Amino acid sequence: MKNNFEKLVEIMSLLRSENGCPWDRVQTHQSLLPYLIEEAYEVLDSVEAEDDSKLKEELGDLLLQVVFHSQIAREERRFDIEGVIENLISKLKIRHPHVFKNKEKLTPQQVVDNWEHIKKKTKNRMVLSGIPRELPALIKAFRVQEKVGRLGFDWQKADDIFEKIEEEIGEFKDVRKKKNKKELEGELGDIFFSLVNLSRHLGVNPEMVLRKTISKFIKRFNYIEKELSKKGKSLKETSLAEMDRLWEDAKRI
């Protein structure tokens, strides 16, 4: 009797066949990329919402993307889902020698440090070459700093980064007077990069922090719109002073 995963692979194969779905048949690795990214973020949303039902559904949608890409590769005789799984199993065993080989008791941080050394050794490539080019900038900055930090190229303490941020802001103010957009962008980028460094040293993920702040802003601004709507007013008809007052009201909710 086939298990559910085997049934899923079989269904995907059918959908891609001549008797399958016209839309599924014309998809490529490239055409599916937007869906892959979208499904990953929907998983993130469901985790943040602590909605198990939604998380279960979104993880299924994400799994479908893996099976879909594997089916396309199988049809082109490059690899299949079995090869994907075999590769993953091998990678997990290689990167967890403390579990499968040496039976050592390590701290979570020691495990992470070992991962980086093992990946560098097995893949024989530059330390930062494995970071995806298309990662969102905040996540990418965090991962870059995290990787080099494990190798000792890092600030010793968070207080030092505060000084660096103040220094970068000072440089930004000086450049702003020159009205040179290219230099302005460079200095502003340095400020963002330093703030990511600070968040990392404080044990905070900057991407998650900013997402929460954006959600908070949206919630409060929605409150302003709803309150104005009750009065039959639009945002364009409202003064900044009144919007500020409603904003303060929203903060107390």
Protein backbone atom coordinates (compact mmCIF):
# COMPACT_ATOMS: atom_id res chain seq x y z
CA MET A 1 0.00 0.00 0.00
CA LYS A 2 1.35 3.42 -0.94
CA ASN A 3 1.90 5.99 1.77
CA ASN A 4 0.62 9.55 1.41
CA PHE A 5 3.95 10.93 0.22
CA GLU A 6 4.10 8.38 -2.60
CA LYS A 7 0.52 9.28 -3.53
CA LEU A 8 1.49 12.97 -3.63
CA VAL A 9 4.42 12.27 -5.98
CA GLU A 10 2.14 10.16 -8.17
CA ILE A 11 -0.49 12.90 -8.33
CA MET A 12 2.14 15.46 -9.32
CA SER A 13 3.35 13.13 -12.06
CA LEU A 14 -0.23 12.76 -13.33
CA LEU A 15 -0.84 16.50 -13.32
CA ARG A 16 2.27 16.97 -15.48
CA SER A 17 1.30 14.21 -17.92
CA GLU A 18 -0.53 14.53 -21.24
CA ASN A 19 -3.78 13.63 -19.46
CA GLY A 20 -3.08 16.07 -16.64
CA CYS A 21 -3.60 19.78 -16.06
CA PRO A 22 -2.74 22.28 -18.86
CA TRP A 23 -1.46 24.84 -16.35
CA ASP A 24 0.76 22.39 -14.46
CA ARG A 25 2.20 21.00 -17.70
CA VAL A 26 3.58 24.35 -18.90
CA GLN A 27 5.28 25.33 -15.65
CA THR A 28 9.08 25.57 -15.36
CA HIS A 29 11.53 26.09 -12.50
CA GLN A 30 11.57 29.78 -13.38
CA SER A 31 7.80 30.24 -13.64
CA LEU A 32 7.28 28.59 -10.25
CA LEU A 33 9.72 30.82 -8.34
CA PRO A 34 7.13 33.47 -7.33
CA TYR A 35 4.93 30.73 -5.85
CA LEU A 36 7.85 29.20 -3.96
CA ILE A 37 8.67 32.54 -2.36
CA GLU A 38 5.01 33.31 -1.65
CA GLU A 39 4.41 29.93 0.03
CA ALA A 40 7.49 30.36 2.23
CA TYR A 41 6.20 33.72 3.46
CA GLU A 42 2.73 32.30 4.06
CA VAL A 43 4.32 29.68 6.30
CA LEU A 44 6.02 32.53 8.15
CA ASP A 45 2.71 34.37 8.54
CA SER A 46 0.98 31.29 9.97
CA VAL A 47 3.80 30.75 12.48
CA GLU A 48 3.57 34.36 13.62
CA ALA A 49 -0.21 34.02 13.94
CA GLU A 50 0.28 30.79 15.97
CA ASP A 51 -2.39 29.20 13.80
CA ASP A 52 -1.73 25.45 13.65
CA SER A 53 -4.48 24.77 11.13
CA LYS A 54 -3.11 27.40 8.76
CA LEU A 55 0.47 26.25 9.37
CA LYS A 56 -0.42 22.69 8.44
CA GLU A 57 -2.02 23.91 5.22
CA GLU A 58 0.84 26.24 4.28
CA LEU A 59 3.51 23.62 4.97
CA GLY A 60 1.63 21.38 2.56
CA ASP A 61 1.67 24.11 -0.09
CA LEU A 62 5.41 24.56 0.44
CA LEU A 63 5.97 20.82 0.17
CA LEU A 64 4.06 20.86 -3.11
CA GLN A 65 6.63 23.27 -4.50
CA VAL A 66 9.46 20.86 -3.64
CA VAL A 67 7.62 17.96 -5.29
CA PHE A 68 6.73 20.10 -8.32
CA HIS A 69 10.34 21.18 -8.96
CA SER A 70 11.54 17.60 -8.45
CA GLN A 71 8.99 16.29 -10.96
CA ILE A 72 10.16 18.77 -13.59
CA ALA A 73 13.76 17.65 -13.04
CA ARG A 74 12.70 13.99 -13.22
CA GLU A 75 11.06 14.53 -16.62
CA GLU A 76 14.31 16.06 -17.86
CA ARG A 77 16.25 13.09 -16.44
CA ARG A 78 18.35 15.27 -14.13
CA PHE A 79 17.20 14.06 -10.69
CA ASP A 80 14.01 13.11 -8.86
CA ILE A 81 12.46 13.48 -5.41
CA GLU A 82 14.26 10.35 -4.19
CA GLY A 83 17.56 12.00 -5.08
CA VAL A 84 16.52 15.14 -3.22
CA ILE A 85 15.72 13.11 -0.10
CA GLU A 86 18.87 10.99 -0.32
CA ASN A 87 20.97 14.13 -0.62
CA LEU A 88 19.24 15.66 2.39
CA ILE A 89 19.75 12.54 4.52
CA SER A 90 23.43 12.48 3.64
CA LYS A 91 23.81 16.17 4.44
CA LEU A 92 22.08 15.81 7.82
CA LYS A 93 24.38 12.96 8.83
CA ILE A 94 27.52 14.80 7.72
CA ARG A 95 26.53 17.99 9.54
CA HIS A 96 25.56 16.19 12.77
CA PRO A 97 28.65 14.12 13.62
CA HIS A 98 27.90 14.73 17.32
CA VAL A 99 24.73 12.65 16.84
CA PHE A 100 25.64 10.06 14.21
CA LYS A 101 29.37 9.62 14.74
CA ASN A 102 31.15 11.03 17.79
CA LYS A 103 28.15 11.08 20.16
CA GLU A 104 29.23 14.36 21.77
CA LYS A 105 27.09 16.63 23.93
CA LEU A 106 27.34 20.10 22.43
CA THR A 107 25.65 23.41 23.12
CA PRO A 108 23.41 24.86 20.37
CA GLN A 109 26.09 27.45 19.59
CA GLN A 110 28.81 24.80 19.29
CA VAL A 111 26.58 22.92 16.85
CA VAL A 112 26.17 26.05 14.71
CA ASP A 113 29.93 26.68 14.76
CA ASN A 114 30.56 23.09 13.67
CA TRP A 115 28.07 23.44 10.79
CA GLU A 116 30.02 26.35 9.34
CA HIS A 117 33.35 24.53 9.51
CA ILE A 118 31.87 21.34 8.03
CA LYS A 119 30.17 23.23 5.18
CA LYS A 120 33.40 25.10 4.41
CA LYS A 121 35.36 21.85 4.39
CA THR A 122 32.91 19.73 2.37
CA LYS A 123 32.02 22.38 -0.21
CA ASN A 124 35.47 23.98 -0.46
CA ARG A 125 34.12 27.45 -1.23
CA MET A 126 34.27 31.01 0.08
CA VAL A 127 32.59 31.56 3.44
CA LEU A 128 29.90 33.91 2.08
CA SER A 129 29.33 32.23 -1.27
CA GLY A 130 26.48 30.06 0.03
CA ILE A 131 24.20 32.98 0.88
CA PRO A 132 21.41 33.30 -1.74
CA ARG A 133 21.70 36.49 -3.79
CA GLU A 134 17.95 37.09 -3.75
CA LEU A 135 17.46 37.04 0.03
CA PRO A 136 15.65 40.12 1.42
CA ALA A 137 18.30 42.67 2.39
CA LEU A 138 17.70 42.55 6.16
CA ILE A 139 17.93 38.75 6.29
CA LYS A 140 20.97 38.78 4.01
CA ALA A 141 22.79 41.34 6.15
CA PHE A 142 22.03 39.27 9.25
CA ARG A 143 23.30 36.04 7.65
CA VAL A 144 26.48 37.69 6.35
CA GLN A 145 27.31 39.11 9.77
CA GLU A 146 26.39 35.85 11.48
CA LYS A 147 28.72 33.82 9.26
CA VAL A 148 31.77 36.06 9.57
CA GLY A 149 31.05 36.52 13.27
CA ARG A 150 31.44 32.79 13.88
CA LEU A 151 34.93 33.07 12.46
CA GLY A 152 35.90 35.86 14.87
CA PHE A 153 35.34 38.84 12.56
CA ASP A 154 32.92 40.58 14.88
CA TRP A 155 32.35 43.24 17.50
CA GLN A 156 33.24 42.23 21.04
CA LYS A 157 30.18 43.78 22.66
CA ALA A 158 26.97 45.58 21.76
CA ASP A 159 28.11 48.86 23.35
CA ASP A 160 30.80 49.19 20.67
CA ILE A 161 28.14 48.99 17.97
CA PHE A 162 26.21 51.89 19.52
CA GLU A 163 29.30 54.02 19.00
CA LYS A 164 29.57 52.80 15.41
CA ILE A 165 25.91 53.68 14.73
CA GLU A 166 26.47 57.18 16.10
CA GLU A 167 29.55 57.49 13.90
CA GLU A 168 27.61 56.35 10.82
CA ILE A 169 24.77 58.80 11.55
CA GLY A 170 27.33 61.61 11.84
CA GLU A 171 28.80 60.68 8.46
CA PHE A 172 25.30 60.53 6.98
CA LYS A 173 24.54 64.05 8.22
CA ASP A 174 27.78 65.37 6.70
CA VAL A 175 27.08 63.75 3.33
CA ARG A 176 23.48 64.99 3.35
CA LYS A 177 24.78 68.57 3.24
CA LYS A 178 26.62 67.79 -0.02
CA LYS A 179 23.39 66.57 -1.66
CA ASN A 180 25.27 63.71 -3.33
CA LYS A 181 22.71 60.92 -3.74
CA LYS A 182 25.26 58.14 -4.31
CA GLU A 183 27.21 58.99 -1.17
CA LEU A 184 23.95 59.48 0.73
CA GLU A 185 22.77 55.98 -0.20
CA GLY A 186 26.11 54.51 0.85
CA GLU A 187 26.04 56.13 4.28
CA LEU A 188 22.37 55.24 4.84
CA GLY A 189 23.19 51.63 3.94
CA ASP A 190 26.00 51.68 6.51
CA ILE A 191 23.50 52.78 9.18
CA PHE A 192 21.12 49.94 8.32
CA PHE A 193 23.99 47.45 8.33
CA SER A 194 25.15 48.65 11.75
CA LEU A 195 21.61 48.41 13.14
CA VAL A 196 21.41 44.80 11.92
CA ASN A 197 24.72 44.13 13.69
CA LEU A 198 23.32 45.59 16.90
CA SER A 199 20.15 43.51 16.70
CA ARG A 200 22.22 40.36 16.17
CA HIS A 201 24.34 41.09 19.24
CA LEU A 202 21.18 41.66 21.26
CA GLY A 203 19.84 38.27 20.13
CA VAL A 204 17.05 39.80 18.06
CA ASN A 205 16.23 38.97 14.43
CA PRO A 206 15.90 42.32 12.58
CA GLU A 207 13.56 40.90 9.92
CA MET A 208 11.10 39.63 12.54
CA VAL A 209 11.34 42.85 14.57
CA LEU A 210 10.61 45.01 11.54
CA ARG A 211 7.72 42.76 10.47
CA LYS A 212 6.16 43.19 13.91
CA THR A 213 6.63 46.96 13.78
CA ILE A 214 5.05 47.13 10.32
CA SER A 215 2.08 45.05 11.52
CA LYS A 216 1.70 47.36 14.52
CA PHE A 217 1.80 50.44 12.28
CA ILE A 218 -0.81 48.97 9.91
CA LYS A 219 -3.12 48.11 12.82
CA ARG A 220 -2.90 51.64 14.23
CA PHE A 221 -3.34 53.34 10.88
CA ASN A 222 -6.35 51.14 10.14
CA TYR A 223 -7.80 52.38 13.44
CA ILE A 224 -7.39 55.98 12.25
CA GLU A 225 -9.21 55.21 8.99
CA LYS A 226 -12.04 53.40 10.76
CA GLU A 227 -12.56 56.21 13.27
CA LEU A 228 -12.59 58.83 10.54
CA SER A 229 -15.02 56.71 8.51
CA LYS A 230 -17.43 56.69 11.47
CA LYS A 231 -17.42 60.47 11.26
CA GLY A 232 -17.89 60.44 7.49
CA LYS A 233 -14.43 61.90 6.91
CA SER A 234 -11.60 60.82 4.62
CA LEU A 235 -7.86 60.95 5.28
CA LYS A 236 -7.43 63.81 2.82
CA GLU A 237 -10.00 65.87 4.71
CA THR A 238 -8.26 65.34 8.04
CA SER A 239 -5.51 67.46 9.55
CA LEU A 240 -2.24 65.95 10.72
CA ALA A 241 -3.08 67.08 14.27
CA GLU A 242 -6.30 65.04 14.29
CA MET A 243 -4.57 62.00 12.82
CA ASP A 244 -1.88 62.29 15.50
CA ARG A 245 -4.59 62.38 18.17
CA LEU A 246 -6.21 59.24 16.77
CA TRP A 247 -2.78 57.62 16.52
CA GLU A 248 -2.26 58.18 20.25
CA ASP A 249 -5.69 56.66 20.88
CA ALA A 250 -4.72 53.60 18.83
CA LYS A 251 -1.56 53.13 20.91
CA ARG A 252 -3.68 52.75 24.04
CA ILE A 253 -5.77 49.91 22.58
